[in-house]
Amino acid sequence: MAPRPESLSAFGAGKVILLGEHSVVYGHPALAGPLSQGVTARAVPAKACQLALPSTLSRPQRAQLTAAFARAAEVTGAPPVKVSLEADLPLAVGLGSSAALSVACARLLLQAAGKVPTPKDAARVAWAMEQEFHGTPSGVDHTTSAAEQLVLYWRKPGPPRGRGRWWRAPSPCTWW
């Protein structure tokens, strides 16, 4: 096994839904794109997989975040790192802060487990966290964050599963 670096970091982008914000929950498509703001997760080697929680969180917030992180740790094999989070995205305003946090943690834990986090792998691990935060999320938030590009997303019928088609916006992207 290769020696682990002293520290790791990973980013999860916030998102904006351009079309289909509420209809995506009912199986209709949504068009969403990533933001440059999001959540950065940082890790240092530790004896166990753990999350450093800010003291400003309420007891219910701490419990929910701990439970969500435990899901991601379980999916990734609980690599021995201590994770801290830094956000430059406002919470609870519809910009996908929980998805950004979930994707950042997913990427970081996958890295710590010795894997190269693909968008699909990051989305898979983030899905476990998002279920803790939202029960049955549509999937558009964490899929967009993991893809880091424009996504046309819709849920498949039946149990919550999603599919997306990713597009690269022309560079530079011009909006009228």
N, C-alpha and C. Protein backbone atom coordinates (compact mmCIF):
# COMPACT_ATOMS: atom_id res chain seq x y z
N MET A 1 0.85 -1.18 0.00
CA MET A 1 0.00 0.00 0.00
C MET A 1 0.90 1.24 0.00
N ALA A 2 0.57 2.18 -0.85
CA ALA A 2 1.34 3.43 -0.95
C ALA A 2 1.08 4.30 0.27
N PRO A 3 2.06 5.05 0.73
CA PRO A 3 1.84 5.94 1.87
C PRO A 3 0.84 7.03 1.50
N ARG A 4 0.01 7.37 2.48
CA ARG A 4 -0.99 8.41 2.25
C ARG A 4 -0.36 9.78 2.39
N PRO A 5 -0.81 10.75 1.58
CA PRO A 5 -0.32 12.11 1.76
C PRO A 5 -0.77 12.65 3.11
N GLU A 6 -0.07 13.67 3.58
CA GLU A 6 -0.40 14.26 4.87
C GLU A 6 -1.79 14.88 4.90
N SER A 7 -2.24 15.42 3.77
CA SER A 7 -3.58 16.00 3.74
C SER A 7 -4.19 15.83 2.35
N LEU A 8 -5.50 15.83 2.33
CA LEU A 8 -6.27 15.72 1.09
C LEU A 8 -7.32 16.81 1.09
N SER A 9 -7.80 17.18 -0.10
CA SER A 9 -8.94 18.09 -0.18
C SER A 9 -9.77 17.74 -1.40
N ALA A 10 -11.05 18.08 -1.32
CA ALA A 10 -11.98 17.83 -2.42
C ALA A 10 -13.07 18.89 -2.38
N PHE A 11 -13.64 19.18 -3.54
CA PHE A 11 -14.64 20.23 -3.68
C PHE A 11 -15.95 19.65 -4.20
N GLY A 12 -17.05 20.17 -3.69
CA GLY A 12 -18.38 19.88 -4.20
C GLY A 12 -19.04 21.19 -4.56
N ALA A 13 -19.49 21.31 -5.81
CA ALA A 13 -20.09 22.55 -6.29
C ALA A 13 -21.55 22.68 -5.88
N GLY A 14 -21.97 23.91 -5.61
CA GLY A 14 -23.38 24.19 -5.47
C GLY A 14 -24.02 24.08 -6.84
N LYS A 15 -25.33 24.24 -6.92
CA LYS A 15 -26.00 24.13 -8.21
C LYS A 15 -27.11 25.15 -8.32
N VAL A 16 -27.48 25.41 -9.56
CA VAL A 16 -28.65 26.22 -9.84
C VAL A 16 -29.49 25.42 -10.84
N ILE A 17 -30.79 25.33 -10.57
CA ILE A 17 -31.69 24.66 -11.50
C ILE A 17 -32.29 25.73 -12.39
N LEU A 18 -32.04 25.61 -13.68
CA LEU A 18 -32.52 26.59 -14.65
C LEU A 18 -33.97 26.34 -15.04
N LEU A 19 -34.34 25.08 -15.21
CA LEU A 19 -35.70 24.68 -15.59
C LEU A 19 -36.08 23.39 -14.88
N GLY A 20 -37.31 23.29 -14.43
CA GLY A 20 -37.81 22.03 -13.89
C GLY A 20 -37.58 21.81 -12.41
N GLU A 21 -37.41 22.88 -11.65
CA GLU A 21 -37.09 22.77 -10.21
C GLU A 21 -38.00 21.80 -9.47
N HIS A 22 -39.31 21.95 -9.60
CA HIS A 22 -40.23 21.08 -8.85
C HIS A 22 -40.70 19.89 -9.67
N SER A 23 -40.76 20.05 -10.97
CA SER A 23 -41.28 18.96 -11.80
C SER A 23 -40.34 17.76 -11.84
N VAL A 24 -39.05 17.96 -11.55
CA VAL A 24 -38.10 16.84 -11.56
C VAL A 24 -38.49 15.78 -10.53
N VAL A 25 -39.11 16.19 -9.45
CA VAL A 25 -39.53 15.26 -8.41
C VAL A 25 -40.59 14.30 -8.95
N TYR A 26 -41.34 14.73 -9.96
CA TYR A 26 -42.42 13.93 -10.53
C TYR A 26 -42.03 13.26 -11.84
N GLY A 27 -40.75 13.17 -12.12
CA GLY A 27 -40.29 12.43 -13.29
C GLY A 27 -40.09 13.25 -14.54
N HIS A 28 -40.24 14.56 -14.46
CA HIS A 28 -40.02 15.42 -15.61
C HIS A 28 -38.58 15.93 -15.59
N PRO A 29 -38.06 16.32 -16.75
CA PRO A 29 -36.65 16.74 -16.78
C PRO A 29 -36.40 18.08 -16.10
N ALA A 30 -35.17 18.23 -15.66
CA ALA A 30 -34.69 19.50 -15.11
C ALA A 30 -33.35 19.80 -15.76
N LEU A 31 -33.11 21.07 -15.98
CA LEU A 31 -31.83 21.52 -16.52
C LEU A 31 -31.12 22.26 -15.40
N ALA A 32 -29.94 21.79 -15.03
CA ALA A 32 -29.21 22.37 -13.90
C ALA A 32 -27.74 22.52 -14.24
N GLY A 33 -27.11 23.47 -13.57
CA GLY A 33 -25.69 23.70 -13.78
C GLY A 33 -24.99 23.95 -12.46
N PRO A 34 -23.67 23.73 -12.43
CA PRO A 34 -22.91 23.92 -11.20
C PRO A 34 -22.55 25.39 -10.98
N LEU A 35 -22.29 25.72 -9.74
CA LEU A 35 -21.81 27.04 -9.35
C LEU A 35 -20.32 26.95 -9.03
N SER A 36 -19.67 28.09 -9.02
CA SER A 36 -18.26 28.09 -8.60
C SER A 36 -18.15 28.07 -7.08
N GLN A 37 -19.23 28.39 -6.37
CA GLN A 37 -19.24 28.31 -4.91
C GLN A 37 -19.68 26.90 -4.51
N GLY A 38 -19.22 26.48 -3.34
CA GLY A 38 -19.59 25.15 -2.87
C GLY A 38 -18.98 24.84 -1.53
N VAL A 39 -18.62 23.59 -1.34
CA VAL A 39 -18.05 23.12 -0.08
C VAL A 39 -16.72 22.43 -0.37
N THR A 40 -15.72 22.76 0.43
CA THR A 40 -14.43 22.09 0.36
C THR A 40 -14.28 21.21 1.59
N ALA A 41 -13.95 19.96 1.37
CA ALA A 41 -13.67 19.02 2.46
C ALA A 41 -12.16 18.81 2.51
N ARG A 42 -11.61 18.84 3.71
CA ARG A 42 -10.18 18.61 3.90
C ARG A 42 -10.00 17.47 4.90
N ALA A 43 -8.96 16.69 4.69
CA ALA A 43 -8.72 15.55 5.59
C ALA A 43 -7.25 15.44 5.94
N VAL A 44 -7.02 14.99 7.15
CA VAL A 44 -5.68 14.65 7.62
C VAL A 44 -5.74 13.22 8.15
N PRO A 45 -4.62 12.51 8.13
CA PRO A 45 -4.63 11.14 8.65
C PRO A 45 -5.10 11.11 10.11
N ALA A 46 -5.81 10.05 10.45
CA ALA A 46 -6.33 9.87 11.81
C ALA A 46 -6.37 8.37 12.11
N LYS A 47 -6.73 8.04 13.34
CA LYS A 47 -6.84 6.62 13.72
C LYS A 47 -8.14 6.00 13.23
N ALA A 48 -9.15 6.84 12.99
CA ALA A 48 -10.46 6.35 12.53
C ALA A 48 -11.07 7.39 11.60
N CYS A 49 -12.09 6.99 10.89
CA CYS A 49 -12.80 7.92 10.00
C CYS A 49 -13.72 8.78 10.86
N GLN A 50 -13.50 10.09 10.83
CA GLN A 50 -14.28 10.97 11.69
C GLN A 50 -14.50 12.33 11.03
N LEU A 51 -15.52 13.01 11.48
CA LEU A 51 -15.87 14.33 10.97
C LEU A 51 -15.75 15.35 12.08
N ALA A 52 -15.02 16.43 11.83
CA ALA A 52 -14.91 17.54 12.78
C ALA A 52 -16.12 18.44 12.55
N LEU A 53 -16.95 18.57 13.55
CA LEU A 53 -18.18 19.35 13.42
C LEU A 53 -18.01 20.75 14.00
N PRO A 54 -18.51 21.77 13.29
CA PRO A 54 -18.45 23.13 13.83
C PRO A 54 -19.29 23.25 15.09
N SER A 55 -18.82 24.01 16.04
CA SER A 55 -19.55 24.18 17.30
C SER A 55 -20.82 25.00 17.12
N THR A 56 -20.97 25.67 15.99
CA THR A 56 -22.14 26.52 15.75
C THR A 56 -23.38 25.72 15.35
N LEU A 57 -23.23 24.43 15.07
CA LEU A 57 -24.38 23.62 14.67
C LEU A 57 -25.26 23.29 15.86
N SER A 58 -26.56 23.22 15.61
CA SER A 58 -27.49 22.79 16.66
C SER A 58 -27.35 21.28 16.87
N ARG A 59 -27.92 20.79 17.94
CA ARG A 59 -27.86 19.35 18.22
C ARG A 59 -28.50 18.53 17.09
N PRO A 60 -29.69 18.91 16.58
CA PRO A 60 -30.27 18.14 15.46
C PRO A 60 -29.40 18.20 14.19
N GLN A 61 -28.81 19.35 13.92
CA GLN A 61 -27.93 19.47 12.75
C GLN A 61 -26.71 18.57 12.90
N ARG A 62 -26.14 18.56 14.09
CA ARG A 62 -24.97 17.72 14.35
C ARG A 62 -25.32 16.24 14.16
N ALA A 63 -26.48 15.85 14.68
CA ALA A 63 -26.90 14.45 14.57
C ALA A 63 -27.12 14.05 13.11
N GLN A 64 -27.78 14.93 12.35
CA GLN A 64 -28.05 14.62 10.94
C GLN A 64 -26.75 14.56 10.13
N LEU A 65 -25.86 15.50 10.34
CA LEU A 65 -24.60 15.52 9.62
C LEU A 65 -23.73 14.31 9.99
N THR A 66 -23.73 13.95 11.26
CA THR A 66 -22.98 12.77 11.70
C THR A 66 -23.54 11.50 11.05
N ALA A 67 -24.86 11.38 11.00
CA ALA A 67 -25.48 10.20 10.39
C ALA A 67 -25.20 10.14 8.89
N ALA A 68 -25.27 11.29 8.21
CA ALA A 68 -25.00 11.33 6.77
C ALA A 68 -23.55 10.96 6.49
N PHE A 69 -22.64 11.51 7.27
CA PHE A 69 -21.22 11.21 7.10
C PHE A 69 -20.95 9.72 7.35
N ALA A 70 -21.62 9.15 8.34
CA ALA A 70 -21.44 7.72 8.64
C ALA A 70 -21.85 6.86 7.45
N ARG A 71 -22.90 7.28 6.73
CA ARG A 71 -23.31 6.53 5.53
C ARG A 71 -22.21 6.55 4.48
N ALA A 72 -21.65 7.73 4.24
CA ALA A 72 -20.58 7.84 3.23
C ALA A 72 -19.34 7.07 3.67
N ALA A 73 -19.03 7.13 4.95
CA ALA A 73 -17.87 6.39 5.46
C ALA A 73 -18.07 4.89 5.26
N GLU A 74 -19.27 4.41 5.52
CA GLU A 74 -19.55 2.98 5.35
C GLU A 74 -19.39 2.56 3.89
N VAL A 75 -19.90 3.36 2.97
CA VAL A 75 -19.84 3.04 1.54
C VAL A 75 -18.40 3.03 1.03
N THR A 76 -17.54 3.86 1.62
CA THR A 76 -16.16 3.99 1.13
C THR A 76 -15.15 3.16 1.94
N GLY A 77 -15.62 2.40 2.90
CA GLY A 77 -14.71 1.58 3.70
C GLY A 77 -14.11 2.29 4.89
N ALA A 78 -14.66 3.43 5.25
CA ALA A 78 -14.24 4.20 6.44
C ALA A 78 -12.73 4.40 6.51
N PRO A 79 -12.15 5.10 5.52
CA PRO A 79 -10.70 5.34 5.57
C PRO A 79 -10.34 6.16 6.82
N PRO A 80 -9.17 5.91 7.40
CA PRO A 80 -8.80 6.59 8.64
C PRO A 80 -8.33 8.03 8.43
N VAL A 81 -9.29 8.94 8.34
CA VAL A 81 -9.00 10.36 8.18
C VAL A 81 -9.95 11.18 9.05
N LYS A 82 -9.50 12.36 9.41
CA LYS A 82 -10.36 13.33 10.11
C LYS A 82 -10.71 14.40 9.09
N VAL A 83 -12.01 14.60 8.87
CA VAL A 83 -12.51 15.48 7.82
C VAL A 83 -13.05 16.77 8.43
N SER A 84 -12.68 17.89 7.83
CA SER A 84 -13.26 19.19 8.19
C SER A 84 -13.87 19.79 6.93
N LEU A 85 -14.84 20.67 7.12
CA LEU A 85 -15.59 21.24 6.01
C LEU A 85 -15.50 22.76 6.02
N GLU A 86 -15.47 23.33 4.83
CA GLU A 86 -15.46 24.79 4.67
C GLU A 86 -16.41 25.12 3.53
N ALA A 87 -17.40 25.97 3.80
CA ALA A 87 -18.41 26.30 2.78
C ALA A 87 -18.35 27.78 2.42
N ASP A 88 -18.50 28.06 1.15
CA ASP A 88 -18.69 29.45 0.71
C ASP A 88 -20.01 29.55 -0.05
N LEU A 89 -20.96 28.76 0.39
CA LEU A 89 -22.28 28.66 -0.22
C LEU A 89 -23.32 28.85 0.89
N PRO A 90 -24.29 29.73 0.70
CA PRO A 90 -25.30 29.89 1.75
C PRO A 90 -26.14 28.62 1.91
N LEU A 91 -26.54 28.35 3.14
CA LEU A 91 -27.34 27.16 3.44
C LEU A 91 -28.82 27.44 3.27
N ALA A 92 -29.57 26.43 2.90
CA ALA A 92 -31.04 26.45 2.88
C ALA A 92 -31.63 27.53 1.99
N VAL A 93 -31.00 27.80 0.85
CA VAL A 93 -31.57 28.79 -0.09
C VAL A 93 -31.75 28.19 -1.48
N GLY A 94 -31.69 26.86 -1.60
CA GLY A 94 -31.94 26.21 -2.87
C GLY A 94 -30.75 26.12 -3.80
N LEU A 95 -29.53 26.32 -3.28
CA LEU A 95 -28.34 26.25 -4.13
C LEU A 95 -27.58 24.93 -3.97
N GLY A 96 -28.22 23.95 -3.35
CA GLY A 96 -27.62 22.62 -3.26
C GLY A 96 -26.50 22.48 -2.26
N SER A 97 -26.61 23.16 -1.12
CA SER A 97 -25.53 23.10 -0.13
C SER A 97 -25.33 21.69 0.42
N SER A 98 -26.41 20.96 0.66
CA SER A 98 -26.24 19.59 1.18
C SER A 98 -25.62 18.69 0.11
N ALA A 99 -25.98 18.89 -1.15
CA ALA A 99 -25.38 18.11 -2.23
C ALA A 99 -23.90 18.45 -2.38
N ALA A 100 -23.57 19.73 -2.29
CA ALA A 100 -22.16 20.14 -2.39
C ALA A 100 -21.35 19.52 -1.26
N LEU A 101 -21.90 19.54 -0.06
CA LEU A 101 -21.24 18.93 1.09
C LEU A 101 -21.09 17.42 0.86
N SER A 102 -22.14 16.79 0.37
CA SER A 102 -22.12 15.34 0.14
C SER A 102 -21.09 14.96 -0.92
N VAL A 103 -21.02 15.71 -2.00
CA VAL A 103 -20.06 15.42 -3.07
C VAL A 103 -18.63 15.67 -2.59
N ALA A 104 -18.43 16.75 -1.85
CA ALA A 104 -17.08 17.02 -1.32
C ALA A 104 -16.63 15.88 -0.41
N CYS A 105 -17.50 15.45 0.49
CA CYS A 105 -17.16 14.33 1.38
C CYS A 105 -16.94 13.04 0.59
N ALA A 106 -17.80 12.79 -0.38
CA ALA A 106 -17.68 11.58 -1.20
C ALA A 106 -16.33 11.54 -1.91
N ARG A 107 -15.98 12.63 -2.57
CA ARG A 107 -14.70 12.67 -3.29
C ARG A 107 -13.52 12.49 -2.33
N LEU A 108 -13.60 13.15 -1.20
CA LEU A 108 -12.51 13.08 -0.23
C LEU A 108 -12.34 11.67 0.33
N LEU A 109 -13.45 11.04 0.72
CA LEU A 109 -13.37 9.70 1.28
C LEU A 109 -12.93 8.68 0.23
N LEU A 110 -13.36 8.85 -1.01
CA LEU A 110 -12.90 7.97 -2.09
C LEU A 110 -11.38 8.12 -2.28
N GLN A 111 -10.90 9.38 -2.29
CA GLN A 111 -9.45 9.61 -2.39
C GLN A 111 -8.71 8.94 -1.23
N ALA A 112 -9.23 9.15 -0.03
CA ALA A 112 -8.58 8.59 1.16
C ALA A 112 -8.56 7.06 1.13
N ALA A 113 -9.54 6.48 0.43
CA ALA A 113 -9.59 5.02 0.29
C ALA A 113 -8.71 4.53 -0.86
N GLY A 114 -8.00 5.47 -1.50
CA GLY A 114 -7.08 5.10 -2.57
C GLY A 114 -7.69 5.01 -3.95
N LYS A 115 -8.88 5.58 -4.12
CA LYS A 115 -9.56 5.54 -5.41
C LYS A 115 -9.52 6.90 -6.07
N VAL A 116 -9.61 6.91 -7.39
CA VAL A 116 -9.75 8.16 -8.14
C VAL A 116 -11.25 8.40 -8.27
N PRO A 117 -11.78 9.46 -7.66
CA PRO A 117 -13.23 9.66 -7.64
C PRO A 117 -13.77 10.15 -8.99
N THR A 118 -14.42 9.28 -9.73
CA THR A 118 -15.10 9.69 -10.96
C THR A 118 -16.39 10.40 -10.58
N PRO A 119 -16.97 11.19 -11.49
CA PRO A 119 -18.26 11.81 -11.18
C PRO A 119 -19.33 10.78 -10.78
N LYS A 120 -19.34 9.63 -11.45
CA LYS A 120 -20.33 8.59 -11.14
C LYS A 120 -20.11 8.04 -9.73
N ASP A 121 -18.86 7.77 -9.37
CA ASP A 121 -18.56 7.26 -8.03
C ASP A 121 -18.89 8.29 -6.95
N ALA A 122 -18.54 9.54 -7.21
CA ALA A 122 -18.85 10.61 -6.25
C ALA A 122 -20.36 10.74 -6.07
N ALA A 123 -21.11 10.67 -7.17
CA ALA A 123 -22.57 10.77 -7.09
C ALA A 123 -23.16 9.60 -6.31
N ARG A 124 -22.61 8.41 -6.50
CA ARG A 124 -23.11 7.22 -5.81
C ARG A 124 -22.94 7.36 -4.29
N VAL A 125 -21.78 7.80 -3.86
CA VAL A 125 -21.52 7.96 -2.42
C VAL A 125 -22.33 9.14 -1.87
N ALA A 126 -22.39 10.23 -2.63
CA ALA A 126 -23.16 11.41 -2.20
C ALA A 126 -24.64 11.07 -2.05
N TRP A 127 -25.14 10.17 -2.89
CA TRP A 127 -26.55 9.77 -2.81
C TRP A 127 -26.87 9.22 -1.42
N ALA A 128 -25.96 8.45 -0.86
CA ALA A 128 -26.18 7.90 0.48
C ALA A 128 -26.33 9.01 1.51
N MET A 129 -25.52 10.05 1.40
CA MET A 129 -25.61 11.18 2.32
C MET A 129 -26.89 11.97 2.08
N GLU A 130 -27.22 12.21 0.82
CA GLU A 130 -28.41 12.99 0.48
C GLU A 130 -29.68 12.32 0.99
N GLN A 131 -29.71 10.99 1.01
CA GLN A 131 -30.87 10.29 1.55
C GLN A 131 -31.04 10.59 3.04
N GLU A 132 -29.95 10.73 3.75
CA GLU A 132 -30.03 11.08 5.17
C GLU A 132 -30.55 12.50 5.33
N PHE A 133 -30.14 13.40 4.46
CA PHE A 133 -30.57 14.80 4.54
C PHE A 133 -32.02 14.99 4.09
N HIS A 134 -32.44 14.28 3.03
CA HIS A 134 -33.73 14.58 2.39
C HIS A 134 -34.69 13.41 2.27
N GLY A 135 -34.35 12.24 2.72
CA GLY A 135 -35.25 11.09 2.58
C GLY A 135 -35.18 10.50 1.18
N THR A 136 -35.98 11.04 0.27
CA THR A 136 -35.96 10.59 -1.13
C THR A 136 -35.73 11.79 -2.04
N PRO A 137 -34.49 12.26 -2.13
CA PRO A 137 -34.20 13.41 -2.98
C PRO A 137 -34.38 13.06 -4.46
N SER A 138 -34.56 14.08 -5.27
CA SER A 138 -34.74 13.85 -6.71
C SER A 138 -33.48 13.32 -7.35
N GLY A 139 -32.32 13.73 -6.85
CA GLY A 139 -31.05 13.31 -7.42
C GLY A 139 -30.39 14.37 -8.27
N VAL A 140 -31.14 15.41 -8.64
CA VAL A 140 -30.58 16.43 -9.53
C VAL A 140 -29.45 17.22 -8.86
N ASP A 141 -29.58 17.50 -7.57
CA ASP A 141 -28.57 18.33 -6.89
C ASP A 141 -27.20 17.66 -6.86
N HIS A 142 -27.14 16.46 -6.32
CA HIS A 142 -25.83 15.81 -6.20
C HIS A 142 -25.29 15.35 -7.55
N THR A 143 -26.16 15.04 -8.50
CA THR A 143 -25.70 14.66 -9.84
C THR A 143 -25.03 15.86 -10.52
N THR A 144 -25.64 17.04 -10.40
CA THR A 144 -25.07 18.25 -10.98
C THR A 144 -23.76 18.62 -10.30
N SER A 145 -23.73 18.52 -8.98
CA SER A 145 -22.50 18.83 -8.25
C SER A 145 -21.37 17.89 -8.64
N ALA A 146 -21.66 16.61 -8.75
CA ALA A 146 -20.63 15.63 -9.10
C ALA A 146 -20.17 15.79 -10.54
N ALA A 147 -21.09 16.14 -11.44
CA ALA A 147 -20.74 16.28 -12.86
C ALA A 147 -19.92 17.54 -13.11
N GLU A 148 -20.19 18.59 -12.34
CA GLU A 148 -19.54 19.89 -12.52
C GLU A 148 -19.70 20.42 -13.95
N GLN A 149 -20.86 20.17 -14.52
CA GLN A 149 -21.19 20.71 -15.84
C GLN A 149 -22.71 20.72 -15.98
N LEU A 150 -23.19 21.33 -17.05
CA LEU A 150 -24.61 21.41 -17.31
C LEU A 150 -25.20 20.01 -17.43
N VAL A 151 -26.34 19.79 -16.76
CA VAL A 151 -26.96 18.47 -16.72
C VAL A 151 -28.44 18.58 -17.07
N LEU A 152 -28.90 17.72 -17.97
CA LEU A 152 -30.33 17.51 -18.18
C LEU A 152 -30.65 16.24 -17.42
N TYR A 153 -31.46 16.35 -16.39
CA TYR A 153 -31.67 15.24 -15.46
C TYR A 153 -33.15 14.93 -15.35
N TRP A 154 -33.46 13.63 -15.25
CA TRP A 154 -34.81 13.22 -14.92
C TRP A 154 -34.75 11.91 -14.16
N ARG A 155 -35.75 11.74 -13.29
CA ARG A 155 -35.84 10.51 -12.50
C ARG A 155 -36.48 9.43 -13.33
N LYS A 156 -36.03 8.22 -13.12
CA LYS A 156 -36.66 7.07 -13.77
C LYS A 156 -37.92 6.71 -12.98
N PRO A 157 -38.93 6.14 -13.65
CA PRO A 157 -40.11 5.67 -12.91
C PRO A 157 -39.72 4.55 -11.94
N GLY A 158 -40.50 4.38 -10.90
CA GLY A 158 -40.23 3.32 -9.94
C GLY A 158 -39.44 3.83 -8.76
N PRO A 159 -38.65 2.96 -8.16
CA PRO A 159 -37.85 3.38 -7.01
C PRO A 159 -36.93 4.53 -7.39
N PRO A 160 -36.61 5.41 -6.45
CA PRO A 160 -35.77 6.56 -6.77
C PRO A 160 -34.44 6.16 -7.41
N ARG A 161 -34.31 6.47 -8.67
CA ARG A 161 -33.07 6.32 -9.43
C ARG A 161 -33.10 7.46 -10.43
N GLY A 162 -31.98 7.85 -10.87
CA GLY A 162 -31.96 8.95 -11.83
C GLY A 162 -31.03 8.67 -12.98
N ARG A 163 -31.18 9.47 -13.98
CA ARG A 163 -30.27 9.42 -15.11
C ARG A 163 -30.05 10.84 -15.56
N GLY A 164 -28.96 11.09 -16.13
CA GLY A 164 -28.66 12.44 -16.58
C GLY A 164 -27.87 12.42 -17.86
N ARG A 165 -27.97 13.48 -18.56
CA ARG A 165 -27.16 13.66 -19.76
C ARG A 165 -26.35 14.92 -19.52
N TRP A 166 -25.06 14.84 -19.71
CA TRP A 166 -24.19 15.95 -19.38
C TRP A 166 -23.75 16.65 -20.65
N TRP A 167 -23.71 17.97 -20.59
CA TRP A 167 -23.24 18.78 -21.71
C TRP A 167 -22.14 19.69 -21.23
N ARG A 168 -21.19 19.92 -22.07
CA ARG A 168 -20.19 20.94 -21.80
C ARG A 168 -20.68 22.22 -22.45
N ALA A 169 -20.77 23.27 -21.66
CA ALA A 169 -21.17 24.57 -22.21
C ALA A 169 -20.04 25.10 -23.08
N PRO A 170 -20.39 25.82 -24.16
CA PRO A 170 -19.33 26.40 -24.98
C PRO A 170 -18.48 27.34 -24.14
N SER A 171 -17.22 27.44 -24.47
CA SER A 171 -16.33 28.29 -23.69
C SER A 171 -15.86 29.44 -24.55
N PRO A 172 -15.96 30.67 -24.17
CA PRO A 172 -16.64 31.11 -22.95
C PRO A 172 -18.15 31.06 -23.14
N CYS A 173 -18.85 30.85 -22.04
CA CYS A 173 -20.30 30.77 -22.08
C CYS A 173 -20.88 32.19 -22.02
N THR A 174 -21.69 32.54 -22.98
CA THR A 174 -22.27 33.89 -23.04
C THR A 174 -23.77 33.81 -22.79
N TRP A 175 -24.24 34.63 -21.89
CA TRP A 175 -25.67 34.69 -21.59
C TRP A 175 -26.20 36.05 -21.99
N TRP A 176 -27.37 36.10 -22.58
CA TRP A 176 -27.96 37.38 -22.99
C TRP A 176 -28.88 37.89 -21.94
